[in-house]
């Protein structure tokens, strides 16, 4: 005699699946029989003069008029000030075996990463240096680092 292929878990899952389908059909019928306010006017939302969403239409007397010619769309003006590319700083940390360190800019007190590939002269901690910066993978990186006296 063969054993039944249906297990308790299968029967239980099938019952819950049928119950969910039945509940879904009942909810659909309820929505169909008792529709909520489906009036188009009730669905509209308005924005008042302050940018807030309201259910009342805006007052036409408070409407502001703009001339399209007065609206200027362009790229922000660039300043023609010369950008100081060479910066002065002091080496706060340098690991010779790993080949990296940090320089603190004298003007902005900003810490800048330096790698051995960006060095012109050999440096060590507490050396005064001049350098340029460029954007690296994780932030500003010092390049063309020269030791000063």
Protein backbone atom coordinates (compact mmCIF):
# COMPACT_ATOMS: atom_id res chain seq x y z
CA UNK A 1 0.00 0.00 0.00
CA UNK A 2 1.38 3.38 -1.02
CA UNK A 3 1.92 6.21 1.39
CA UNK A 4 0.14 9.53 0.89
CA UNK A 5 2.34 12.15 -0.77
CA UNK A 6 0.68 14.97 1.12
CA UNK A 7 2.36 15.81 4.37
CA UNK A 8 1.05 17.86 7.24
CA UNK A 9 3.16 20.85 6.16
CA UNK A 10 1.80 20.75 2.61
CA UNK A 11 -1.80 20.63 3.82
CA UNK A 12 -1.18 23.48 6.22
CA UNK A 13 0.42 25.65 3.50
CA UNK A 14 -2.43 24.90 1.11
CA UNK A 15 -5.03 25.89 3.73
CA UNK A 16 -3.28 29.18 4.48
CA UNK A 17 -2.96 29.92 0.75
CA UNK A 18 -6.68 29.36 0.19
CA UNK A 19 -7.54 31.50 3.23
CA UNK A 20 -5.41 34.39 1.91
CA UNK A 21 -7.12 34.17 -1.50
CA UNK A 22 -10.55 34.16 0.15
CA UNK A 23 -9.65 37.21 2.33
CA UNK A 24 -8.38 39.06 -0.72
CA UNK A 25 -11.61 38.42 -2.64
CA UNK A 26 -13.70 39.56 0.35
CA UNK A 27 -11.74 42.82 0.65
CA UNK A 28 -12.13 43.47 -3.08
CA UNK A 29 -15.90 42.93 -2.85
CA UNK A 30 -16.08 45.24 0.18
CA UNK A 31 -14.22 48.00 -1.68
CA UNK A 32 -16.54 47.55 -4.66
CA UNK A 33 -19.71 47.73 -2.54
CA UNK A 34 -18.60 50.57 -0.23
CA UNK A 35 -16.50 52.93 -2.33
CA UNK A 36 -14.84 55.74 -0.46
CA UNK A 37 -15.13 59.28 -1.72
CA UNK A 38 -13.96 58.85 -5.29
CA UNK A 39 -14.92 62.39 -6.25
CA UNK A 40 -12.20 63.97 -8.40
CA UNK A 41 -12.35 67.25 -6.47
CA UNK A 42 -11.63 65.41 -3.22
CA UNK A 43 -8.50 63.91 -4.72
CA UNK A 44 -6.95 67.25 -5.71
CA UNK A 45 -4.23 68.90 -3.65
CA UNK A 46 -3.12 72.51 -4.01
CA UNK A 47 0.05 74.39 -3.17
CA UNK A 48 -0.40 77.74 -1.43
CA UNK A 49 1.77 80.86 -1.83
CA UNK A 50 4.16 79.58 0.86
CA UNK A 51 4.68 76.20 -0.80
CA UNK A 52 2.50 74.23 1.64
CA UNK A 53 0.09 71.54 0.40
CA UNK A 54 -3.56 72.33 1.16
CA UNK A 55 -7.00 71.06 0.16
CA UNK A 56 -8.29 74.53 -0.76
CA UNK A 57 -7.46 76.23 -4.05
CA UNK A 58 -5.09 79.21 -3.87
CA UNK A 59 -6.42 82.77 -3.74
CA UNK A 60 -6.06 84.30 -7.24
CA UNK A 61 -5.43 87.74 -5.68
CA UNK A 62 -2.24 86.51 -4.01
CA UNK A 63 -0.87 85.18 -7.29
CA UNK A 64 2.53 86.63 -8.24
CA UNK A 65 3.47 87.38 -11.83
CA UNK A 66 7.01 86.88 -13.11
CA UNK A 67 8.52 88.01 -16.38
CA UNK A 68 10.28 85.10 -18.08
CA UNK A 69 12.99 87.44 -19.37
CA UNK A 70 13.99 88.32 -15.80
CA UNK A 71 14.91 84.72 -15.01
CA UNK A 72 18.60 84.14 -15.67
CA UNK A 73 19.92 80.63 -16.05
CA UNK A 74 23.66 80.29 -16.39
CA UNK A 75 26.82 78.86 -14.92
CA UNK A 76 28.11 80.59 -11.79
CA UNK A 77 30.79 83.18 -12.49
CA UNK A 78 34.31 82.01 -11.86
CA UNK A 79 36.61 84.30 -9.92
CA UNK A 80 39.79 85.35 -11.68
CA UNK A 81 41.84 85.30 -8.48
CA UNK A 82 45.10 83.43 -8.91
CA UNK A 83 44.99 80.19 -6.99
CA UNK A 84 48.08 79.59 -4.90
CA UNK A 85 49.26 76.20 -6.02
CA UNK A 86 52.46 75.91 -3.98
CA UNK A 87 51.78 75.47 -0.28
CA UNK A 88 54.08 75.37 2.73
CA UNK A 89 53.79 72.85 5.53
CA UNK A 90 55.43 70.64 8.09
CA UNK A 91 55.70 66.84 8.02
CA UNK A 92 53.86 65.53 11.09
CA UNK A 93 54.23 61.82 10.34
CA UNK A 94 56.17 59.80 7.76
CA UNK A 95 56.68 56.05 7.71
CA UNK A 96 59.65 55.30 5.46
CA UNK A 97 59.07 51.53 5.41
CA UNK A 98 55.46 51.89 4.22
CA UNK A 99 56.12 55.00 2.11
CA UNK A 100 53.41 57.38 3.29
CA UNK A 101 52.79 60.16 5.79
CA UNK A 102 50.98 63.41 6.48
CA UNK A 103 51.82 67.09 6.07
CA UNK A 104 50.04 69.90 7.93
CA UNK A 105 49.51 73.02 5.82
CA UNK A 106 50.83 76.13 7.62
CA UNK A 107 48.01 78.40 6.43
CA UNK A 108 44.90 76.23 6.78
CA UNK A 109 46.21 73.70 9.36
CA UNK A 110 44.74 71.03 7.07
CA UNK A 111 46.32 67.56 7.18
CA UNK A 112 47.28 66.33 3.69
CA UNK A 113 48.25 62.76 2.79
CA UNK A 114 51.64 62.27 1.12
CA UNK A 115 52.95 59.16 -0.64
CA UNK A 116 56.55 58.34 -1.48
CA UNK A 117 55.65 58.60 -5.21
CA UNK A 118 54.85 62.31 -4.71
CA UNK A 119 58.25 63.17 -3.23
CA UNK A 120 61.03 65.05 -5.00
CA UNK A 121 63.35 65.12 -1.96
CA UNK A 122 63.57 62.57 0.86
CA UNK A 123 61.64 63.76 3.92
CA UNK A 124 61.26 62.78 7.56
CA UNK A 125 59.14 63.95 10.51
CA UNK A 126 59.30 67.66 11.48
CA UNK A 127 60.79 68.70 8.10
CA UNK A 128 59.47 71.92 6.56
CA UNK A 129 58.33 71.33 2.99
CA UNK A 130 56.67 72.97 -0.01
CA UNK A 131 54.12 70.98 -1.94
CA UNK A 132 51.20 71.06 -4.36
CA UNK A 133 47.93 69.21 -3.89
CA UNK A 134 45.69 67.15 -6.08
CA UNK A 135 42.56 65.14 -5.41
CA UNK A 136 43.40 61.50 -4.66
CA UNK A 137 41.13 58.48 -4.16
CA UNK A 138 40.23 59.38 -0.57
CA UNK A 139 40.91 63.13 -0.47
CA UNK A 140 43.66 65.66 -1.01
CA UNK A 141 47.14 64.26 -1.71
CA UNK A 142 50.42 66.16 -1.65
CA UNK A 143 52.56 65.98 -4.80
CA UNK A 144 55.88 67.55 -5.82
CA UNK A 145 57.00 67.64 -2.19
CA UNK A 146 60.33 69.47 -1.71
CA UNK A 147 62.26 69.88 1.50
CA UNK A 148 63.00 73.51 2.52
CA UNK A 149 65.65 74.74 4.93
